[in-house]
Amino acid sequence: MKSRRTFIKKAGLVTVWGAISPALAQSGLATTTQIPVMGAEEIGFSQQPLPYLYSALEPVIDALTMEIHYTKHAAGYTKNLVDACAGERVDTSKIKLTELLGRISTYSIKMRNNAGGHYNHEFFWQSLTPVRSGQTNKPSGSFMEAIVNQFGSFENFQTQFSDAARNRFGSGWAWLVKTTDGKLKIGSTPNQDNPLMDLSELKGTPLLGLDVWEHAYYLKYQNKRPDYIAACWSLFNWEVLERRYKNA
């Protein structure tokens, strides 16, 4: 922990400016979260800039974890996805990523792991927003009504979603999805699978996904996954999630 703090301290202004992705810095949006939020169908095959600084999610997610997660893990999935598409002759100009995921069982394990990993992380970044001091981070409007109708209360929803994330054995994701009949459903998937995949037991349009791979939280929380899950409730971007709900 001491060495991690030393790294961040020595980074100085790099942590504030240079540690963000160059594309975001050049866009003039480095200190704001006001970049377009992509719907499920709009997530493509390339890695997009983060909509916030690496340090913006502190104290819940520290800057070093965010930087490693984005530049190493997520970037690796994107690179390997591009490689898999080239190797399996997938013309990414003629197919949507969601279509590929919808028939992922016809592709290789490499394609499955990296298409899922790329999609899941692009979706995840936009599900989060910096902690809002003094504000209660809860949904509102029709989305809140749907949560209460489906789960009885927002607190019941929190408990069930947290349980899905905590009880996911090994690495994976917890999800809230909207099913084809318009209902909300909570579940989880292993590794980098997601509810858009034809081989997933949990199916639906993703509204919220929480990464419970150890690389998402280990520097700060070590093996205390429940603490990480509990802390993340202050980061969920309910405005984005409600938009996804209405468009699903």
Protein backbone atom coordinates (compact mmCIF):
# COMPACT_ATOMS: atom_id res chain seq x y z
CA MET A 1 0.00 0.00 0.00
CA LYS A 2 2.85 2.38 0.87
CA SER A 3 4.57 1.82 -2.48
CA ARG A 4 1.28 2.43 -4.31
CA ARG A 5 0.82 5.77 -2.53
CA THR A 6 4.41 6.69 -3.30
CA PHE A 7 3.85 5.98 -6.98
CA ILE A 8 0.78 8.20 -7.10
CA LYS A 9 2.48 10.98 -5.14
CA LYS A 10 5.55 10.98 -7.38
CA ALA A 11 3.39 11.05 -10.46
CA GLY A 12 2.38 14.60 -9.55
CA LEU A 13 0.65 16.33 -12.41
CA VAL A 14 0.81 13.13 -14.44
CA THR A 15 -1.89 11.74 -12.21
CA VAL A 16 -3.97 14.83 -12.86
CA TRP A 17 -3.40 15.18 -16.60
CA GLY A 18 -0.93 12.84 -18.21
CA ALA A 19 -2.47 9.69 -16.74
CA ILE A 20 -5.65 10.11 -18.74
CA SER A 21 -5.94 8.70 -22.21
CA PRO A 22 -4.43 10.99 -24.89
CA ALA A 23 -7.62 10.96 -26.93
CA LEU A 24 -9.60 12.29 -24.00
CA ALA A 25 -7.03 14.95 -23.16
CA GLN A 26 -7.01 16.17 -26.76
CA SER A 27 -10.79 16.35 -26.79
CA GLY A 28 -10.87 19.04 -24.14
CA LEU A 29 -13.15 16.87 -22.01
CA ALA A 30 -10.55 15.75 -19.50
CA THR A 31 -12.29 17.23 -16.46
CA THR A 32 -15.86 16.37 -17.36
CA THR A 33 -18.06 13.32 -17.75
CA GLN A 34 -19.97 14.90 -20.63
CA ILE A 35 -19.16 12.52 -23.47
CA PRO A 36 -21.82 10.62 -25.38
CA VAL A 37 -23.02 7.47 -23.66
CA MET A 38 -23.19 4.54 -26.03
CA GLY A 39 -26.18 2.26 -26.07
CA ALA A 40 -25.66 -1.50 -26.18
CA GLU A 41 -25.90 -1.51 -29.98
CA GLU A 42 -23.39 1.32 -30.33
CA ILE A 43 -20.43 -0.30 -28.58
CA GLY A 44 -18.03 -1.13 -31.37
CA PHE A 45 -14.71 -2.91 -31.77
CA SER A 46 -12.39 -0.14 -30.57
CA GLN A 47 -11.54 1.09 -27.10
CA GLN A 48 -13.05 4.49 -26.32
CA PRO A 49 -11.58 7.16 -24.03
CA LEU A 50 -12.58 7.06 -20.39
CA PRO A 51 -15.20 9.70 -19.57
CA TYR A 52 -13.28 10.73 -16.42
CA LEU A 53 -9.78 10.89 -14.94
CA TYR A 54 -8.22 7.74 -13.53
CA SER A 55 -8.43 9.38 -10.09
CA ALA A 56 -12.06 10.50 -10.47
CA LEU A 57 -13.57 7.45 -8.80
CA GLU A 58 -11.50 7.74 -5.64
CA PRO A 59 -11.80 6.83 -2.83
CA VAL A 60 -13.89 3.88 -4.07
CA ILE A 61 -11.54 2.89 -6.91
CA ASP A 62 -7.99 4.20 -6.70
CA ALA A 63 -6.20 5.84 -9.62
CA LEU A 64 -3.57 3.12 -10.05
CA THR A 65 -6.16 0.35 -10.22
CA MET A 66 -8.15 2.37 -12.76
CA GLU A 67 -5.09 3.02 -14.90
CA ILE A 68 -3.98 -0.62 -14.91
CA HIS A 69 -7.53 -1.84 -15.49
CA TYR A 70 -8.08 0.45 -18.48
CA THR A 71 -4.65 0.50 -20.13
CA LYS A 72 -3.63 -3.13 -19.53
CA HIS A 73 -6.61 -5.45 -18.96
CA ALA A 74 -9.28 -3.72 -21.05
CA ALA A 75 -6.86 -2.64 -23.75
CA GLY A 76 -5.63 -6.22 -23.96
CA TYR A 77 -9.13 -7.52 -24.60
CA THR A 78 -9.59 -4.96 -27.38
CA LYS A 79 -6.31 -5.88 -29.07
CA ASN A 80 -7.03 -9.60 -28.84
CA LEU A 81 -10.55 -9.07 -30.17
CA VAL A 82 -9.15 -7.31 -33.25
CA ASP A 83 -6.67 -10.16 -33.70
CA ALA A 84 -9.44 -12.75 -33.37
CA CYS A 85 -11.58 -10.96 -35.92
CA ALA A 86 -8.70 -10.89 -38.37
CA GLY A 87 -7.91 -14.55 -37.78
CA GLU A 88 -11.53 -15.65 -38.16
CA ARG A 89 -12.25 -13.33 -41.07
CA VAL A 90 -14.87 -11.22 -39.34
CA ASP A 91 -15.49 -7.99 -41.25
CA THR A 92 -16.12 -5.53 -38.42
CA SER A 93 -17.45 -2.96 -40.89
CA LYS A 94 -20.35 -5.25 -41.72
CA ILE A 95 -21.31 -6.70 -38.34
CA LYS A 96 -22.18 -5.15 -35.01
CA LEU A 97 -20.43 -6.35 -31.90
CA THR A 98 -23.81 -7.23 -30.37
CA GLU A 99 -24.58 -9.42 -33.39
CA LEU A 100 -21.27 -11.21 -32.99
CA LEU A 101 -22.00 -11.77 -29.29
CA GLY A 102 -25.43 -13.08 -30.20
CA ARG A 103 -23.85 -15.98 -32.05
CA ILE A 104 -20.63 -16.25 -30.11
CA SER A 105 -21.00 -20.04 -29.84
CA THR A 106 -20.00 -20.28 -33.52
CA TYR A 107 -16.62 -18.66 -32.88
CA SER A 108 -13.46 -19.63 -31.02
CA ILE A 109 -12.82 -19.42 -27.30
CA LYS A 110 -10.41 -16.57 -28.05
CA MET A 111 -13.22 -14.64 -29.72
CA ARG A 112 -15.64 -15.39 -26.90
CA ASN A 113 -13.27 -14.28 -24.15
CA ASN A 114 -12.07 -11.12 -25.85
CA ALA A 115 -15.31 -9.98 -27.47
CA GLY A 116 -16.95 -10.34 -24.07
CA GLY A 117 -14.07 -8.71 -22.25
CA HIS A 118 -14.01 -5.73 -24.60
CA TYR A 119 -17.78 -5.22 -24.58
CA ASN A 120 -18.11 -5.66 -20.82
CA HIS A 121 -15.45 -3.08 -20.03
CA GLU A 122 -16.71 -0.49 -22.50
CA PHE A 123 -20.14 -0.94 -20.93
CA PHE A 124 -18.73 -0.82 -17.39
CA TRP A 125 -16.82 2.47 -17.73
CA GLN A 126 -19.99 4.29 -18.73
CA SER A 127 -21.96 2.73 -15.87
CA LEU A 128 -19.83 4.65 -13.36
CA THR A 129 -19.60 8.29 -12.39
CA PRO A 130 -17.48 10.18 -9.84
CA VAL A 131 -18.80 10.17 -6.25
CA ARG A 132 -21.28 12.98 -5.75
CA SER A 133 -20.66 14.54 -2.37
CA GLY A 134 -23.78 15.09 -0.29
CA GLN A 135 -26.09 13.46 -2.83
CA THR A 136 -28.02 10.23 -2.48
CA ASN A 137 -27.06 8.01 -5.38
CA LYS A 138 -30.33 6.36 -6.34
CA PRO A 139 -32.35 5.99 -9.54
CA SER A 140 -35.50 7.97 -10.17
CA GLY A 141 -38.48 8.14 -12.48
CA SER A 142 -39.77 5.16 -14.41
CA PHE A 143 -36.60 3.19 -13.77
CA MET A 144 -37.01 3.47 -10.02
CA GLU A 145 -40.66 2.49 -10.36
CA ALA A 146 -39.66 -0.61 -12.32
CA ILE A 147 -37.10 -1.58 -9.67
CA VAL A 148 -39.62 -1.21 -6.85
CA ASN A 149 -42.30 -3.12 -8.78
CA GLN A 150 -39.91 -5.95 -9.60
CA PHE A 151 -37.99 -6.28 -6.33
CA GLY A 152 -40.30 -4.73 -3.73
CA SER A 153 -37.93 -1.92 -2.80
CA PHE A 154 -34.65 -0.36 -3.86
CA GLU A 155 -33.04 -1.91 -0.79
CA ASN A 156 -34.18 -5.39 -1.84
CA PHE A 157 -32.73 -4.75 -5.28
CA GLN A 158 -29.41 -3.71 -3.73
CA THR A 159 -29.30 -6.85 -1.62
CA GLN A 160 -30.07 -9.18 -4.52
CA PHE A 161 -27.61 -7.53 -6.88
CA SER A 162 -24.88 -7.49 -4.22
CA ASP A 163 -25.53 -11.16 -3.51
CA ALA A 164 -25.18 -12.01 -7.21
CA ALA A 165 -21.84 -10.19 -7.32
CA ARG A 166 -20.56 -11.61 -4.04
CA ASN A 167 -21.57 -15.20 -4.81
CA ARG A 168 -20.13 -15.31 -8.33
CA PHE A 169 -17.54 -18.07 -7.94
CA GLY A 170 -14.16 -17.06 -9.29
CA SER A 171 -14.02 -14.28 -11.85
CA GLY A 172 -17.04 -12.82 -13.59
CA TRP A 173 -19.73 -10.17 -13.65
CA ALA A 174 -23.00 -9.35 -11.89
CA TRP A 175 -25.77 -7.99 -14.12
CA LEU A 176 -29.11 -6.24 -14.12
CA VAL A 177 -30.88 -6.86 -17.42
CA LYS A 178 -34.19 -6.06 -19.05
CA THR A 179 -35.71 -9.20 -20.52
CA THR A 180 -37.66 -9.45 -23.76
CA ASP A 181 -40.93 -9.30 -21.81
CA GLY A 182 -39.92 -6.00 -20.20
CA LYS A 183 -39.04 -7.34 -16.75
CA LEU A 184 -35.90 -6.67 -14.75
CA LYS A 185 -33.71 -9.61 -13.81
CA ILE A 186 -30.53 -10.00 -11.76
CA GLY A 187 -27.88 -12.63 -12.39
CA SER A 188 -24.21 -13.22 -13.05
CA THR A 189 -21.94 -14.67 -15.70
CA PRO A 190 -18.53 -16.34 -15.46
CA ASN A 191 -15.28 -14.93 -16.83
CA GLN A 192 -16.07 -12.42 -19.62
CA ASP A 193 -19.43 -13.84 -20.68
CA ASN A 194 -22.42 -11.50 -20.77
CA PRO A 195 -26.22 -11.67 -21.19
CA LEU A 196 -26.04 -10.87 -24.93
CA MET A 197 -24.29 -14.16 -25.69
CA ASP A 198 -26.34 -16.99 -27.15
CA LEU A 199 -24.73 -19.45 -24.73
CA SER A 200 -25.43 -17.40 -21.59
CA GLU A 201 -27.98 -18.74 -19.10
CA LEU A 202 -28.81 -15.14 -18.19
CA LYS A 203 -30.25 -13.33 -21.19
CA GLY A 204 -31.49 -9.78 -21.70
CA THR A 205 -30.39 -6.26 -22.51
CA PRO A 206 -27.71 -5.21 -20.00
CA LEU A 207 -28.55 -2.19 -17.88
CA LEU A 208 -25.85 -2.53 -15.21
CA GLY A 209 -22.79 -4.73 -15.03
CA LEU A 210 -20.31 -4.95 -12.16
CA ASP A 211 -16.83 -6.34 -12.72
CA VAL A 212 -15.90 -8.78 -9.93
CA TRP A 213 -12.60 -9.95 -11.37
CA GLU A 214 -9.86 -9.45 -8.77
CA HIS A 215 -7.98 -7.02 -11.00
CA ALA A 216 -10.91 -4.61 -10.61
CA TYR A 217 -10.41 -4.20 -6.87
CA TYR A 218 -7.46 -6.13 -5.44
CA LEU A 219 -5.00 -3.26 -4.83
CA LYS A 220 -7.41 -1.52 -2.47
CA TYR A 221 -9.66 -4.28 -1.17
CA GLN A 222 -7.43 -7.39 -1.45
CA ASN A 223 -9.71 -10.42 -0.97
CA LYS A 224 -12.61 -8.37 0.47
CA ARG A 225 -14.92 -8.48 -2.53
CA PRO A 226 -18.04 -7.60 -0.46
CA ASP A 227 -16.41 -4.31 0.62
CA TYR A 228 -15.71 -3.40 -3.01
CA ILE A 229 -19.29 -4.25 -4.01
CA ALA A 230 -20.75 -2.16 -1.18
CA ALA A 231 -18.55 0.82 -2.08
CA CYS A 232 -19.50 0.72 -5.76
CA TRP A 233 -23.11 1.68 -5.02
CA SER A 234 -21.90 5.28 -4.70
CA LEU A 235 -20.50 5.17 -8.26
CA PHE A 236 -23.37 3.84 -10.38
CA ASN A 237 -24.53 6.37 -12.94
CA TRP A 238 -28.30 6.08 -12.61
CA GLU A 239 -28.96 8.68 -15.31
CA VAL A 240 -27.14 6.46 -17.81
CA LEU A 241 -28.86 3.33 -16.50
CA GLU A 242 -32.29 4.91 -16.80
CA ARG A 243 -31.50 5.91 -20.38
CA ARG A 244 -30.55 2.31 -21.11
CA TYR A 245 -33.75 1.10 -19.47
CA LYS A 246 -35.93 3.36 -21.61
CA ASN A 247 -34.11 2.42 -24.81
CA ALA A 248 -34.00 -1.34 -24.18
